[in-house]
PDB file of N, CA and C in Angstrom:
ATOM      1  N   MET A   1     -82.769-107.702 -74.950  1.00  0.00           N
ATOM      2  CA  MET A   1     -82.224-107.068 -73.763  1.00  0.00           C
ATOM      3  C   MET A   1     -81.672-108.166 -72.840  1.00  0.00           C
ATOM      4  N   LEU A   2     -80.546-107.868 -72.236  1.00  0.00           N
ATOM      5  CA  LEU A   2     -79.922-108.823 -71.316  1.00  0.00           C
ATOM      6  C   LEU A   2     -80.496-108.669 -69.918  1.00  0.00           C
ATOM      7  N   PRO A   3     -80.616-109.773 -69.172  1.00  0.00           N
ATOM      8  CA  PRO A   3     -81.123-109.662 -67.795  1.00  0.00           C
ATOM      9  C   PRO A   3     -80.096-108.998 -66.882  1.00  0.00           C
ATOM     10  N   ASP A   4     -80.570-108.418 -65.771  1.00  0.00           N
ATOM     11  CA  ASP A   4     -79.680-107.796 -64.788  1.00  0.00           C
ATOM     12  C   ASP A   4     -78.857-108.834 -64.031  1.00  0.00           C
ATOM     13  N   ARG A   5     -79.440-110.006 -63.829  1.00  0.00           N
ATOM     14  CA  ARG A   5     -78.774-111.103 -63.106  1.00  0.00           C
ATOM     15  C   ARG A   5     -79.088-112.415 -63.815  1.00  0.00           C
ATOM     16  N   TRP A   6     -78.170-113.381 -63.719  1.00  0.00           N
ATOM     17  CA  TRP A   6     -78.422-114.699 -64.291  1.00  0.00           C
ATOM     18  C   TRP A   6     -77.536-115.729 -63.608  1.00  0.00           C
ATOM     19  N   ASN A   7     -77.947-116.982 -63.718  1.00  0.00           N
ATOM     20  CA  ASN A   7     -77.207-118.113 -63.164  1.00  0.00           C
ATOM     21  C   ASN A   7     -76.752-119.021 -64.293  1.00  0.00           C
ATOM     22  N   HIS A   8     -75.618-119.676 -64.064  1.00  0.00           N
ATOM     23  CA  HIS A   8     -75.117-120.670 -65.012  1.00  0.00           C
ATOM     24  C   HIS A   8     -74.740-121.909 -64.218  1.00  0.00           C
ATOM     25  N   ARG A   9     -75.342-123.032 -64.549  1.00  0.00           N
ATOM     26  CA  ARG A   9     -75.086-124.286 -63.849  1.00  0.00           C
ATOM     27  C   ARG A   9     -74.138-125.138 -64.678  1.00  0.00           C
ATOM     28  N   THR A  10     -73.105-125.672 -64.011  1.00  0.00           N
ATOM     29  CA  THR A  10     -72.168-126.570 -64.682  1.00  0.00           C
ATOM     30  C   THR A  10     -72.371-127.983 -64.164  1.00  0.00           C
ATOM     31  N   ALA A  11     -71.890-128.951 -64.904  1.00  0.00           N
ATOM     32  CA  ALA A  11     -72.045-130.351 -64.510  1.00  0.00           C
ATOM     33  C   ALA A  11     -70.769-130.924 -63.896  1.00  0.00           C
ATOM     34  N   ASP A  12     -69.681-130.173 -63.882  1.00  0.00           N
ATOM     35  CA  ASP A  12     -68.420-130.713 -63.379  1.00  0.00           C
ATOM     36  C   ASP A  12     -68.413-130.784 -61.842  1.00  0.00           C
ATOM     37  N   ASP A  13     -67.657-131.729 -61.311  1.00  0.00           N
ATOM     38  CA  ASP A  13     -67.505-131.907 -59.857  1.00  0.00           C
ATOM     39  C   ASP A  13     -68.838-131.974 -59.123  1.00  0.00           C
ATOM     40  N   GLY A  14     -69.809-132.598 -59.699  1.00  0.00           N
ATOM     41  CA  GLY A  14     -71.104-132.726 -59.051  1.00  0.00           C
ATOM     42  C   GLY A  14     -72.025-131.540 -59.294  1.00  0.00           C
ATOM     43  N   GLY A  15     -71.567-130.584 -60.044  1.00  0.00           N
ATOM     44  CA  GLY A  15     -72.390-129.434 -60.405  1.00  0.00           C
ATOM     45  C   GLY A  15     -72.108-128.210 -59.555  1.00  0.00           C
ATOM     46  N   HIS A  16     -72.041-127.087 -60.202  1.00  0.00           N
ATOM     47  CA  HIS A  16     -71.866-125.794 -59.552  1.00  0.00           C
ATOM     48  C   HIS A  16     -72.808-124.803 -60.216  1.00  0.00           C
ATOM     49  N   THR A  17     -73.334-123.887 -59.422  1.00  0.00           N
ATOM     50  CA  THR A  17     -74.145-122.811 -59.972  1.00  0.00           C
ATOM     51  C   THR A  17     -73.418-121.500 -59.733  1.00  0.00           C
ATOM     52  N   PHE A  18     -73.130-120.796 -60.811  1.00  0.00           N
ATOM     53  CA  PHE A  18     -72.462-119.503 -60.742  1.00  0.00           C
ATOM     54  C   PHE A  18     -73.497-118.413 -60.946  1.00  0.00           C
ATOM     55  N   GLU A  19     -73.462-117.400 -60.096  1.00  0.00           N
ATOM     56  CA  GLU A  19     -74.385-116.279 -60.188  1.00  0.00           C
ATOM     57  C   GLU A  19     -73.645-115.072 -60.757  1.00  0.00           C
ATOM     58  N   PHE A  20     -74.225-114.452 -61.764  1.00  0.00           N
ATOM     59  CA  PHE A  20     -73.622-113.306 -62.428  1.00  0.00           C
ATOM     60  C   PHE A  20     -74.553-112.107 -62.348  1.00  0.00           C
ATOM     61  N   TYR A  21     -73.956-110.920 -62.406  1.00  0.00           N
ATOM     62  CA  TYR A  21     -74.732-109.687 -62.462  1.00  0.00           C
ATOM     63  C   TYR A  21     -73.861-108.609 -63.088  1.00  0.00           C
ATOM     64  N   TRP A  22     -74.509-107.604 -63.616  1.00  0.00           N
ATOM     65  CA  TRP A  22     -73.798-106.468 -64.187  1.00  0.00           C
ATOM     66  C   TRP A  22     -73.411-105.536 -63.057  1.00  0.00           C
ATOM     67  N   HIS A  23     -72.237-104.935 -63.168  1.00  0.00           N
ATOM     68  CA  HIS A  23     -71.779-103.980 -62.161  1.00  0.00           C
ATOM     69  C   HIS A  23     -71.387-102.692 -62.868  1.00  0.00           C
ATOM     70  N   ARG A  24     -71.842-101.570 -62.342  1.00  0.00           N
ATOM     71  CA  ARG A  24     -71.493-100.274 -62.937  1.00  0.00           C
ATOM     72  C   ARG A  24     -69.990-100.069 -62.838  1.00  0.00           C
ATOM     73  N   MET A  25     -69.382 -99.618 -63.921  1.00  0.00           N
ATOM     74  CA  MET A  25     -67.939 -99.399 -63.929  1.00  0.00           C
ATOM     75  C   MET A  25     -67.541 -98.244 -63.019  1.00  0.00           C
ATOM     76  N   ASP A  26     -68.443 -97.302 -62.805  1.00  0.00           N
ATOM     77  CA  ASP A  26     -68.144 -96.172 -61.932  1.00  0.00           C
ATOM     78  C   ASP A  26     -68.706 -96.363 -60.522  1.00  0.00           C
ATOM     79  N   GLY A  27     -69.221 -97.560 -60.244  1.00  0.00           N
ATOM     80  CA  GLY A  27     -69.796 -97.845 -58.934  1.00  0.00           C
ATOM     81  C   GLY A  27     -68.749 -98.301 -57.933  1.00  0.00           C
ATOM     82  N   ALA A  28     -69.130 -98.308 -56.675  1.00  0.00           N
ATOM     83  CA  ALA A  28     -68.247 -98.787 -55.612  1.00  0.00           C
ATOM     84  C   ALA A  28     -67.990-100.284 -55.784  1.00  0.00           C
ATOM     85  N   GLN A  29     -66.876-100.720 -55.255  1.00  0.00           N
ATOM     86  CA  GLN A  29     -66.516-102.142 -55.310  1.00  0.00           C
ATOM     87  C   GLN A  29     -67.573-102.958 -54.553  1.00  0.00           C
ATOM     88  N   PRO A  30     -68.033-104.066 -55.129  1.00  0.00           N
ATOM     89  CA  PRO A  30     -69.029-104.886 -54.440  1.00  0.00           C
ATOM     90  C   PRO A  30     -68.474-105.431 -53.122  1.00  0.00           C
ATOM     91  N   GLU A  31     -69.345-105.583 -52.140  1.00  0.00           N
ATOM     92  CA  GLU A  31     -68.939-106.156 -50.860  1.00  0.00           C
ATOM     93  C   GLU A  31     -68.531-107.612 -51.052  1.00  0.00           C
ATOM     94  N   ASN A  32     -67.581-108.064 -50.244  1.00  0.00           N
ATOM     95  CA  ASN A  32     -67.105-109.449 -50.268  1.00  0.00           C
ATOM     96  C   ASN A  32     -66.639-109.883 -51.652  1.00  0.00           C
ATOM     97  N   CYS A  33     -66.072-108.972 -52.388  1.00  0.00           N
ATOM     98  CA  CYS A  33     -65.621-109.249 -53.752  1.00  0.00           C
ATOM     99  C   CYS A  33     -64.270-109.964 -53.714  1.00  0.00           C
ATOM    100  N   HIS A  34     -64.129-111.005 -54.500  1.00  0.00           N
ATOM    101  CA  HIS A  34     -62.887-111.779 -54.572  1.00  0.00           C
ATOM    102  C   HIS A  34     -61.778-110.893 -55.145  1.00  0.00           C
ATOM    103  N   PRO A  35     -60.545-111.027 -54.630  1.00  0.00           N
ATOM    104  CA  PRO A  35     -59.424-110.206 -55.120  1.00  0.00           C
ATOM    105  C   PRO A  35     -59.207-110.282 -56.631  1.00  0.00           C
ATOM    106  N   VAL A  36     -59.495-111.404 -57.250  1.00  0.00           N
ATOM    107  CA  VAL A  36     -59.349-111.529 -58.707  1.00  0.00           C
ATOM    108  C   VAL A  36     -60.301-110.561 -59.411  1.00  0.00           C
ATOM    109  N   PHE A  37     -61.518-110.439 -58.916  1.00  0.00           N
ATOM    110  CA  PHE A  37     -62.490-109.548 -59.542  1.00  0.00           C
ATOM    111  C   PHE A  37     -62.165-108.089 -59.255  1.00  0.00           C
ATOM    112  N   ILE A  38     -61.605-107.803 -58.078  1.00  0.00           N
ATOM    113  CA  ILE A  38     -61.170-106.443 -57.768  1.00  0.00           C
ATOM    114  C   ILE A  38     -60.073-106.029 -58.743  1.00  0.00           C
ATOM    115  N   ALA A  39     -59.117-106.921 -58.980  1.00  0.00           N
ATOM    116  CA  ALA A  39     -58.025-106.637 -59.924  1.00  0.00           C
ATOM    117  C   ALA A  39     -58.568-106.454 -61.346  1.00  0.00           C
ATOM    118  N   ALA A  40     -59.527-107.275 -61.741  1.00  0.00           N
ATOM    119  CA  ALA A  40     -60.113-107.163 -63.086  1.00  0.00           C
ATOM    120  C   ALA A  40     -60.844-105.836 -63.249  1.00  0.00           C
ATOM    121  N   LEU A  41     -61.597-105.433 -62.232  1.00  0.00           N
ATOM    122  CA  LEU A  41     -62.315-104.171 -62.284  1.00  0.00           C
ATOM    123  C   LEU A  41     -61.337-103.001 -62.375  1.00  0.00           C
ATOM    124  N   LYS A  42     -60.262-103.049 -61.611  1.00  0.00           N
ATOM    125  CA  LYS A  42     -59.238-102.001 -61.656  1.00  0.00           C
ATOM    126  C   LYS A  42     -58.599-101.929 -63.045  1.00  0.00           C
ATOM    127  N   PHE A  43     -58.282-103.097 -63.613  1.00  0.00           N
ATOM    128  CA  PHE A  43     -57.692-103.157 -64.951  1.00  0.00           C
ATOM    129  C   PHE A  43     -58.636-102.553 -65.989  1.00  0.00           C
ATOM    130  N   LEU A  44     -59.894-102.968 -65.964  1.00  0.00           N
ATOM    131  CA  LEU A  44     -60.860-102.479 -66.950  1.00  0.00           C
ATOM    132  C   LEU A  44     -61.091-100.983 -66.827  1.00  0.00           C
ATOM    133  N   ARG A  45     -61.172-100.494 -65.586  1.00  0.00           N
ATOM    134  CA  ARG A  45     -61.350 -99.051 -65.396  1.00  0.00           C
ATOM    135  C   ARG A  45     -60.158 -98.288 -65.973  1.00  0.00           C
ATOM    136  N   GLY A  46     -58.960 -98.803 -65.753  1.00  0.00           N
ATOM    137  CA  GLY A  46     -57.767 -98.156 -66.304  1.00  0.00           C
ATOM    138  C   GLY A  46     -57.762 -98.161 -67.817  1.00  0.00           C
ATOM    139  N   ARG A  47     -58.118 -99.284 -68.410  1.00  0.00           N
ATOM    140  CA  ARG A  47     -58.160 -99.370 -69.879  1.00  0.00           C
ATOM    141  C   ARG A  47     -59.218 -98.463 -70.469  1.00  0.00           C
ATOM    142  N   LEU A  48     -60.373 -98.412 -69.821  1.00  0.00           N
ATOM    143  CA  LEU A  48     -61.439 -97.538 -70.328  1.00  0.00           C
ATOM    144  C   LEU A  48     -61.039 -96.076 -70.201  1.00  0.00           C
ATOM    145  N   ALA A  49     -60.371 -95.712 -69.126  1.00  0.00           N
ATOM    146  CA  ALA A  49     -59.915 -94.331 -68.948  1.00  0.00           C
ATOM    147  C   ALA A  49     -58.903 -93.969 -70.017  1.00  0.00           C
ATOM    148  N   THR A  50     -57.994 -94.901 -70.300  1.00  0.00           N
ATOM    149  CA  THR A  50     -56.974 -94.678 -71.330  1.00  0.00           C
ATOM    150  C   THR A  50     -57.622 -94.546 -72.707  1.00  0.00           C
ATOM    151  N   SER A  51     -58.574 -95.415 -72.990  1.00  0.00           N
ATOM    152  CA  SER A  51     -59.279 -95.365 -74.285  1.00  0.00           C
ATOM    153  C   SER A  51     -60.054 -94.079 -74.438  1.00  0.00           C
ATOM    154  N   SER A  52     -60.709 -93.657 -73.380  1.00  0.00           N
ATOM    155  CA  SER A  52     -61.512 -92.428 -73.426  1.00  0.00           C
ATOM    156  C   SER A  52     -60.605 -91.223 -73.621  1.00  0.00           C
ATOM    157  N   SER A  53     -59.458 -91.198 -72.939  1.00  0.00           N
ATOM    158  CA  SER A  53     -58.517 -90.078 -73.067  1.00  0.00           C
ATOM    159  C   SER A  53     -57.951 -90.013 -74.473  1.00  0.00           C
ATOM    160  N   ALA A  54     -57.584 -91.159 -75.028  1.00  0.00           N
ATOM    161  CA  ALA A  54     -57.013 -91.212 -76.367  1.00  0.00           C
ATOM    162  C   ALA A  54     -58.017 -90.787 -77.429  1.00  0.00           C
ATOM    163  N   ALA A  55     -59.282 -91.073 -77.168  1.00  0.00           N
ATOM    164  CA  ALA A  55     -60.319 -90.723 -78.135  1.00  0.00           C
ATOM    165  C   ALA A  55     -60.847 -89.300 -77.945  1.00  0.00           C
ATOM    166  N   GLY A  56     -60.361 -88.623 -76.888  1.00  0.00           N
ATOM    167  CA  GLY A  56     -60.808 -87.262 -76.627  1.00  0.00           C
ATOM    168  C   GLY A  56     -62.187 -87.195 -75.981  1.00  0.00           C
ATOM    169  N   VAL A  57     -62.587 -88.285 -75.339  1.00  0.00           N
ATOM    170  CA  VAL A  57     -63.874 -88.329 -74.668  1.00  0.00           C
ATOM    171  C   VAL A  57     -63.726 -87.777 -73.263  1.00  0.00           C
ATOM    172  N   ALA A  58     -64.611 -86.891 -72.884  1.00  0.00           N
ATOM    173  CA  ALA A  58     -64.526 -86.290 -71.537  1.00  0.00           C
ATOM    174  C   ALA A  58     -65.319 -87.082 -70.537  1.00  0.00           C
TER     175      ALA A  58
END
């Protein structure tokens, strides 16, 4: 089973720690979300809707 949240530490530029978490595809946009992630979420939702429609999934 995958954890709900996790961190990844890099060694570049003196080190950075990135925090990750799962987000529900049908959930509200996270607060303070970077525009790149908003665009990615919109893209994925559109692709999933298209895939579901093509497959006859309600």
